Structure formats: structure tokens, C-alpha cells
Amino acid sequence: MSLRDGYHAVPAGKLADVQTFLEMRAKPALRPSPQGPWRLERLRRPELRRYRDAVHRVGDDYLWCVRLAMTDDELQRFLLDPRVEAYLLVTEDDDQGVLELDFRVERECELSLFGVSSGLIRTGAGRWLMNQAIETAWSHPIERFWLHTCTLDHPSALAFYRRSGFAVFKREVEVYDDPRVLGITRKDAAPHVPIL
């Protein structure tokens, strides 16, 4: 089904966004990045509260909710799957970035979660984290590295992914429950997006 031109009602308690899907089919040259006061920590035995706190810290402004809506058992199973690699960007103070690489589809890697906290935007931490993601993904026997971003993400996200070597291959409209209404994120998260 394709949408007709014009406006389409979004029910109360729902959000709508445009998802843009991007991919790379070969490892690109890495863009320069600073070596800041941060490090990457792989979560081999994840502490669920710590992980959720990091996802909130990075994603509440963009209404990230998929990991937050999972039960403890679901999140534990996902993070302990040997085909999933979950990392935190750690600063001297706290966990300030999230990176998930999902290898559950053969010969592919999905960048299923990626971001840094608002305090690290424009510090080079995002570029550093992306370079880590690219290096790690392409160290596996994959033919495709892909992700999706949406109109609720940071306004620079799409351009950042394109500069990183990803190319757009499709777009979709997504309608889903507002995580603020469900109590998954704070009611005051993403104040630029009205709650209906």
C-alpha cells in the first residue's frame, strides 16, 4: 500500500515519523576523529539497569524506546546473544554513548543502536564511535552494513551517516505508541514533539 499525497491522521497516543534506511557494501575510508577522554566497553555480562540508564541518557531526546520497552528477560537474551555486540562509550564520569552491532542475519550487520549523549555532541565522540563501529562491523565476514534513522533523531544524523559512507536505499513511514504515554520514557522527554 502506498500513501496518498496529503495529510493523514495520527491517532492520540501515537507518533509518526519517516524512517530512512541506509547501507554500505564495502568498508569506507575512515574519517578523521579525535582521541578524546573516552573508551569503548563491550558488555559481555550486561547490567540491565546500567544499559537502560545509558539508553535513556543518549536516547530520551529522540524517544528511543525499543530496548526500554523490553522485559528484563527479553533484553538479557538480546544482549547475551553471541551474534549481538553491545558497547558503551565510557567517559571519566559515566556511560555517555551506546553502540549495538547486530550480526543475526548472515553476512550482514545492522547498526541497531548508535548515539552519544547531548554533552558529547560536537566533541568528535560521535565520529570516534562511528569509526569504532565501522572497524568492528567490517572485521566480521559481512557484505552489508546497514542502519535506519528517523525524523525524530538528531537533525544532523542523516547527514552524519552519509558522510560516514552509508547510502540511502529506502524510506518508510512508521506509526507507533508514544513511549511517553506508555511511561517508558519521561513525560518531558523530547519536548519538541507534542504529546497527543
C-alpha atoms as a PDB file:
ATOM      1  CA  MET A   1       0.000   0.000   0.000  1.00  0.00           C
ATOM      2  CA  SER A   2       1.284   3.480  -0.751  1.00  0.00           C
ATOM      3  CA  LEU A   3       0.227   6.665   0.967  1.00  0.00           C
ATOM      4  CA  ARG A   4      -1.704   9.234  -0.992  1.00  0.00           C
ATOM      5  CA  ASP A   5      -0.406  12.800  -1.095  1.00  0.00           C
ATOM      6  CA  GLY A   6      -1.749  14.948   1.697  1.00  0.00           C
ATOM      7  CA  TYR A   7      -2.250  14.719   5.437  1.00  0.00           C
ATOM      8  CA  HIS A   8      -3.003  11.522   7.325  1.00  0.00           C
ATOM      9  CA  ALA A   9      -4.438  11.432  10.841  1.00  0.00           C
ATOM     10  CA  VAL A  10      -2.208  10.105  13.610  1.00  0.00           C
ATOM     11  CA  PRO A  11      -4.280   8.686  16.491  1.00  0.00           C
ATOM     12  CA  ALA A  12      -3.900  10.074  20.003  1.00  0.00           C
ATOM     13  CA  GLY A  13      -1.095   8.400  21.911  1.00  0.00           C
ATOM     14  CA  LYS A  14       0.794   7.571  18.718  1.00  0.00           C
ATOM     15  CA  LEU A  15       3.840   9.019  16.984  1.00  0.00           C
ATOM     16  CA  ALA A  16       4.612   9.091  13.273  1.00  0.00           C
ATOM     17  CA  ASP A  17       7.999   9.548  11.659  1.00  0.00           C
ATOM     18  CA  VAL A  18       9.784   8.901   8.409  1.00  0.00           C
ATOM     19  CA  GLN A  19      12.401   6.152   8.635  1.00  0.00           C
ATOM     20  CA  THR A  20      15.355   6.373   6.255  1.00  0.00           C
ATOM     21  CA  PHE A  21      17.296   3.152   5.646  1.00  0.00           C
ATOM     22  CA  LEU A  22      20.976   3.352   4.698  1.00  0.00           C
ATOM     23  CA  GLU A  23      23.658   0.800   3.853  1.00  0.00           C
ATOM     24  CA  MET A  24      27.270   0.369   2.859  1.00  0.00           C
ATOM     25  CA  ARG A  25      28.516  -2.587   0.818  1.00  0.00           C
ATOM     26  CA  ALA A  26      32.248  -2.134   1.449  1.00  0.00           C
ATOM     27  CA  LYS A  27      34.338  -0.659   4.209  1.00  0.00           C
ATOM     28  CA  PRO A  28      34.930   3.046   3.541  1.00  0.00           C
ATOM     29  CA  ALA A  29      37.985   5.098   4.402  1.00  0.00           C
ATOM     30  CA  LEU A  30      37.544   6.284   7.966  1.00  0.00           C
ATOM     31  CA  ARG A  31      37.072   9.999   8.572  1.00  0.00           C
ATOM     32  CA  PRO A  32      39.481  11.690  10.990  1.00  0.00           C
ATOM     33  CA  SER A  33      38.419  11.649  14.618  1.00  0.00           C
ATOM     34  CA  PRO A  34      39.932  12.913  17.846  1.00  0.00           C
ATOM     35  CA  GLN A  35      41.155  10.606  20.578  1.00  0.00           C
ATOM     36  CA  GLY A  36      39.144  12.045  23.439  1.00  0.00           C
ATOM     37  CA  PRO A  37      38.846  11.133  27.100  1.00  0.00           C
ATOM     38  CA  TRP A  38      36.608   8.168  26.352  1.00  0.00           C
ATOM     39  CA  ARG A  39      36.835   4.446  25.777  1.00  0.00           C
ATOM     40  CA  LEU A  40      34.640   1.711  24.372  1.00  0.00           C
ATOM     41  CA  GLU A  41      33.475  -1.047  26.723  1.00  0.00           C
ATOM     42  CA  ARG A  42      31.872  -4.196  25.372  1.00  0.00           C
ATOM     43  CA  LEU A  43      29.092  -5.541  27.572  1.00  0.00           C
ATOM     44  CA  ARG A  44      29.715  -9.243  27.931  1.00  0.00           C
ATOM     45  CA  ARG A  45      27.599  -9.688  31.061  1.00  0.00           C
ATOM     46  CA  PRO A  46      25.345  -6.664  30.844  1.00  0.00           C
ATOM     47  CA  GLU A  47      23.939  -4.936  33.858  1.00  0.00           C
ATOM     48  CA  LEU A  48      20.424  -4.165  32.632  1.00  0.00           C
ATOM     49  CA  ARG A  49      19.946  -1.072  34.783  1.00  0.00           C
ATOM     50  CA  ARG A  50      23.263   0.384  33.633  1.00  0.00           C
ATOM     51  CA  TYR A  51      22.392  -0.326  29.995  1.00  0.00           C
ATOM     52  CA  ARG A  52      18.916   1.181  30.268  1.00  0.00           C
ATOM     53  CA  ASP A  53      20.344   4.252  32.038  1.00  0.00           C
ATOM     54  CA  ALA A  54      22.749   4.772  29.128  1.00  0.00           C
ATOM     55  CA  VAL A  55      19.950   4.321  26.571  1.00  0.00           C
ATOM     56  CA  HIS A  56      17.857   6.908  28.452  1.00  0.00           C
ATOM     57  CA  ARG A  57      20.814   9.316  28.675  1.00  0.00           C
ATOM     58  CA  VAL A  58      21.506   9.086  24.946  1.00  0.00           C
ATOM     59  CA  GLY A  59      18.052   8.464  23.503  1.00  0.00           C
ATOM     60  CA  ASP A  60      15.339  10.195  25.531  1.00  0.00           C
ATOM     61  CA  ASP A  61      15.566  13.362  23.413  1.00  0.00           C
ATOM     62  CA  TYR A  62      14.842  11.203  20.351  1.00  0.00           C
ATOM     63  CA  LEU A  63      12.221   8.968  22.015  1.00  0.00           C
ATOM     64  CA  TRP A  64      14.258   5.765  21.730  1.00  0.00           C
ATOM     65  CA  CYS A  65      12.056   3.070  23.177  1.00  0.00           C
ATOM     66  CA  VAL A  66      12.682  -0.357  21.628  1.00  0.00           C
ATOM     67  CA  ARG A  67      15.249  -1.522  24.233  1.00  0.00           C
ATOM     68  CA  LEU A  68      13.439   0.269  27.047  1.00  0.00           C
ATOM     69  CA  ALA A  69      10.155  -1.494  26.279  1.00  0.00           C
ATOM     70  CA  MET A  70      11.749  -4.951  26.507  1.00  0.00           C
ATOM     71  CA  THR A  71      11.234  -7.030  29.619  1.00  0.00           C
ATOM     72  CA  ASP A  72      14.355  -7.898  31.616  1.00  0.00           C
ATOM     73  CA  ASP A  73      14.337 -11.407  30.126  1.00  0.00           C
ATOM     74  CA  GLU A  74      13.973 -10.128  26.552  1.00  0.00           C
ATOM     75  CA  LEU A  75      16.742  -7.558  26.963  1.00  0.00           C
ATOM     76  CA  GLN A  76      19.037 -10.061  28.682  1.00  0.00           C
ATOM     77  CA  ARG A  77      18.512 -12.613  25.875  1.00  0.00           C
ATOM     78  CA  PHE A  78      19.168  -9.962  23.218  1.00  0.00           C
ATOM     79  CA  LEU A  79      22.334  -8.608  24.832  1.00  0.00           C
ATOM     80  CA  LEU A  80      23.721 -12.081  25.563  1.00  0.00           C
ATOM     81  CA  ASP A  81      23.099 -13.388  22.038  1.00  0.00           C
ATOM     82  CA  PRO A  82      26.598 -14.189  20.696  1.00  0.00           C
ATOM     83  CA  ARG A  83      25.615 -12.579  17.383  1.00  0.00           C
ATOM     84  CA  VAL A  84      24.948  -9.217  19.074  1.00  0.00           C
ATOM     85  CA  GLU A  85      27.729  -6.916  20.252  1.00  0.00           C
ATOM     86  CA  ALA A  86      26.666  -4.153  22.646  1.00  0.00           C
ATOM     87  CA  TYR A  87      29.076  -1.422  23.720  1.00  0.00           C
ATOM     88  CA  LEU A  88      29.038   1.690  25.876  1.00  0.00           C
ATOM     89  CA  LEU A  89      31.135   4.774  25.282  1.00  0.00           C
ATOM     90  CA  VAL A  90      32.541   5.479  28.735  1.00  0.00           C
ATOM     91  CA  THR A  91      33.939   8.816  29.898  1.00  0.00           C
ATOM     92  CA  GLU A  92      35.684   9.643  33.147  1.00  0.00           C
ATOM     93  CA  ASP A  93      32.264  10.449  34.622  1.00  0.00           C
ATOM     94  CA  ASP A  94      29.757   7.965  33.218  1.00  0.00           C
ATOM     95  CA  ASP A  95      28.399   5.983  30.272  1.00  0.00           C
ATOM     96  CA  GLN A  96      27.772   8.572  27.552  1.00  0.00           C
ATOM     97  CA  GLY A  97      27.258   6.580  24.355  1.00  0.00           C
ATOM     98  CA  VAL A  98      25.608   3.416  23.059  1.00  0.00           C
ATOM     99  CA  LEU A  99      26.584   1.178  20.150  1.00  0.00           C
ATOM    100  CA  GLU A 100      24.871  -2.053  19.099  1.00  0.00           C
ATOM    101  CA  LEU A 101      26.034  -4.251  16.243  1.00  0.00           C
ATOM    102  CA  ASP A 102      23.570  -6.985  15.287  1.00  0.00           C
ATOM    103  CA  PHE A 103      25.006  -9.858  13.225  1.00  0.00           C
ATOM    104  CA  ARG A 104      21.952 -12.152  13.483  1.00  0.00           C
ATOM    105  CA  VAL A 105      21.413 -12.084   9.701  1.00  0.00           C
ATOM    106  CA  GLU A 106      24.179 -13.978   7.917  1.00  0.00           C
ATOM    107  CA  ARG A 107      26.734 -11.800   6.059  1.00  0.00           C
ATOM    108  CA  GLU A 108      25.100  -8.611   7.405  1.00  0.00           C
ATOM    109  CA  CYS A 109      25.494  -6.257  10.316  1.00  0.00           C
ATOM    110  CA  GLU A 110      22.786  -3.889  11.474  1.00  0.00           C
ATOM    111  CA  LEU A 111      23.849  -0.821  13.404  1.00  0.00           C
ATOM    112  CA  SER A 112      20.824  -1.280  15.643  1.00  0.00           C
ATOM    113  CA  LEU A 113      21.578   1.458  18.177  1.00  0.00           C
ATOM    114  CA  PHE A 114      24.067   4.299  17.947  1.00  0.00           C
ATOM    115  CA  GLY A 115      24.440   7.620  19.697  1.00  0.00           C
ATOM    116  CA  VAL A 116      26.191   9.819  22.215  1.00  0.00           C
ATOM    117  CA  SER A 117      24.740  11.955  24.985  1.00  0.00           C
ATOM    118  CA  SER A 118      23.917  15.603  24.294  1.00  0.00           C
ATOM    119  CA  GLY A 119      27.017  16.713  26.213  1.00  0.00           C
ATOM    120  CA  LEU A 120      29.274  14.897  23.732  1.00  0.00           C
ATOM    121  CA  ILE A 121      27.669  16.206  20.545  1.00  0.00           C
ATOM    122  CA  ARG A 122      30.182  18.271  18.543  1.00  0.00           C
ATOM    123  CA  THR A 123      33.148  16.959  20.545  1.00  0.00           C
ATOM    124  CA  GLY A 124      34.187  14.336  17.988  1.00  0.00           C
ATOM    125  CA  ALA A 125      32.922  11.497  20.189  1.00  0.00           C
ATOM    126  CA  GLY A 126      30.252  10.566  17.640  1.00  0.00           C
ATOM    127  CA  ARG A 127      32.811  10.362  14.836  1.00  0.00           C
ATOM    128  CA  TRP A 128      35.139   8.326  17.058  1.00  0.00           C
ATOM    129  CA  LEU A 129      32.274   5.962  17.969  1.00  0.00           C
ATOM    130  CA  MET A 130      31.258   5.584  14.310  1.00  0.00           C
ATOM    131  CA  ASN A 131      34.824   4.729  13.348  1.00  0.00           C
ATOM    132  CA  GLN A 132      34.802   2.047  16.055  1.00  0.00           C
ATOM    133  CA  ALA A 133      31.503   0.746  14.661  1.00  0.00           C
ATOM    134  CA  ILE A 134      32.793   0.601  11.077  1.00  0.00           C
ATOM    135  CA  GLU A 135      36.059  -1.097  12.077  1.00  0.00           C
ATOM    136  CA  THR A 136      34.288  -3.654  14.256  1.00  0.00           C
ATOM    137  CA  ALA A 137      31.496  -4.430  11.781  1.00  0.00           C
ATOM    138  CA  TRP A 138      33.852  -4.932   8.849  1.00  0.00           C
ATOM    139  CA  SER A 139      36.194  -7.115  10.937  1.00  0.00           C
ATOM    140  CA  HIS A 140      33.462  -9.770  10.559  1.00  0.00           C
ATOM    141  CA  PRO A 141      32.719 -11.604   7.282  1.00  0.00           C
ATOM    142  CA  ILE A 142      29.892  -9.305   6.158  1.00  0.00           C
ATOM    143  CA  GLU A 143      28.792  -7.991   2.786  1.00  0.00           C
ATOM    144  CA  ARG A 144      26.435  -5.316   4.070  1.00  0.00           C
ATOM    145  CA  PHE A 145      26.407  -2.866   6.993  1.00  0.00           C
ATOM    146  CA  TRP A 146      23.117  -1.048   7.409  1.00  0.00           C
ATOM    147  CA  LEU A 147      21.003   1.092   9.709  1.00  0.00           C
ATOM    148  CA  HIS A 148      17.899   3.204   9.836  1.00  0.00           C
ATOM    149  CA  THR A 149      17.362   6.664  11.254  1.00  0.00           C
ATOM    150  CA  CYS A 150      14.224   8.725  11.540  1.00  0.00           C
ATOM    151  CA  THR A 151      12.913  12.265  11.568  1.00  0.00           C
ATOM    152  CA  LEU A 152      12.845  12.211  15.390  1.00  0.00           C
ATOM    153  CA  ASP A 153      16.614  11.603  15.581  1.00  0.00           C
ATOM    154  CA  HIS A 154      19.166  14.395  15.886  1.00  0.00           C
ATOM    155  CA  PRO A 155      18.761  16.802  12.922  1.00  0.00           C
ATOM    156  CA  SER A 156      22.338  16.057  11.792  1.00  0.00           C
ATOM    157  CA  ALA A 157      22.015  12.262  11.989  1.00  0.00           C
ATOM    158  CA  LEU A 158      21.188  11.574   8.345  1.00  0.00           C
ATOM    159  CA  ALA A 159      23.994  13.785   7.023  1.00  0.00           C
ATOM    160  CA  PHE A 160      26.409  12.235   9.537  1.00  0.00           C
ATOM    161  CA  TYR A 161      25.589   8.720   8.327  1.00  0.00           C
ATOM    162  CA  ARG A 162      26.010   9.751   4.696  1.00  0.00           C
ATOM    163  CA  ARG A 163      29.405  11.323   5.458  1.00  0.00           C
ATOM    164  CA  SER A 164      30.346   8.070   7.166  1.00  0.00           C
ATOM    165  CA  GLY A 165      29.843   6.135   3.926  1.00  0.00           C
ATOM    166  CA  PHE A 166      26.237   4.949   4.131  1.00  0.00           C
ATOM    167  CA  ALA A 167      23.868   5.425   1.168  1.00  0.00           C
ATOM    168  CA  VAL A 168      20.070   5.669   1.340  1.00  0.00           C
ATOM    169  CA  PHE A 169      18.171   2.708  -0.116  1.00  0.00           C
ATOM    170  CA  LYS A 170      14.569   3.227   1.079  1.00  0.00           C
ATOM    171  CA  ARG A 171      12.205   5.274   3.233  1.00  0.00           C
ATOM    172  CA  GLU A 172       9.118   4.283   5.201  1.00  0.00           C
ATOM    173  CA  VAL A 173       6.544   5.953   7.418  1.00  0.00           C
ATOM    174  CA  GLU A 174       6.321   4.437  10.898  1.00  0.00           C
ATOM    175  CA  VAL A 175       3.423   4.856  13.343  1.00  0.00           C
ATOM    176  CA  TYR A 176       3.852   3.571  16.897  1.00  0.00           C
ATOM    177  CA  ASP A 177       2.859   4.127  20.523  1.00  0.00           C
ATOM    178  CA  ASP A 178       4.341   7.248  22.126  1.00  0.00           C
ATOM    179  CA  PRO A 179       6.761   5.932  24.789  1.00  0.00           C
ATOM    180  CA  ARG A 180       5.976   8.944  27.000  1.00  0.00           C
ATOM    181  CA  VAL A 181       2.297   7.961  27.091  1.00  0.00           C
ATOM    182  CA  LEU A 182       3.265   4.355  27.920  1.00  0.00           C
ATOM    183  CA  GLY A 183       5.603   5.516  30.711  1.00  0.00           C
ATOM    184  CA  ILE A 184       8.689   4.051  29.023  1.00  0.00           C
ATOM    185  CA  THR A 185      10.406   7.441  28.837  1.00  0.00           C
ATOM    186  CA  ARG A 186       9.963  10.603  30.867  1.00  0.00           C
ATOM    187  CA  LYS A 187       6.850  12.679  30.136  1.00  0.00           C
ATOM    188  CA  ASP A 188       9.108  15.696  29.468  1.00  0.00           C
ATOM    189  CA  ALA A 189      11.402  13.825  27.036  1.00  0.00           C
ATOM    190  CA  ALA A 190      11.647  15.316  23.542  1.00  0.00           C
ATOM    191  CA  PRO A 191       9.646  18.473  24.345  1.00  0.00           C
ATOM    192  CA  HIS A 192       9.845  19.483  20.676  1.00  0.00           C
ATOM    193  CA  VAL A 193       7.463  16.589  19.855  1.00  0.00           C
ATOM    194  CA  PRO A 194       3.931  17.234  21.170  1.00  0.00           C
ATOM    195  CA  ILE A 195       2.059  14.553  23.069  1.00  0.00           C
ATOM    196  CA  LEU A 196      -1.465  13.999  21.737  1.00  0.00           C
END
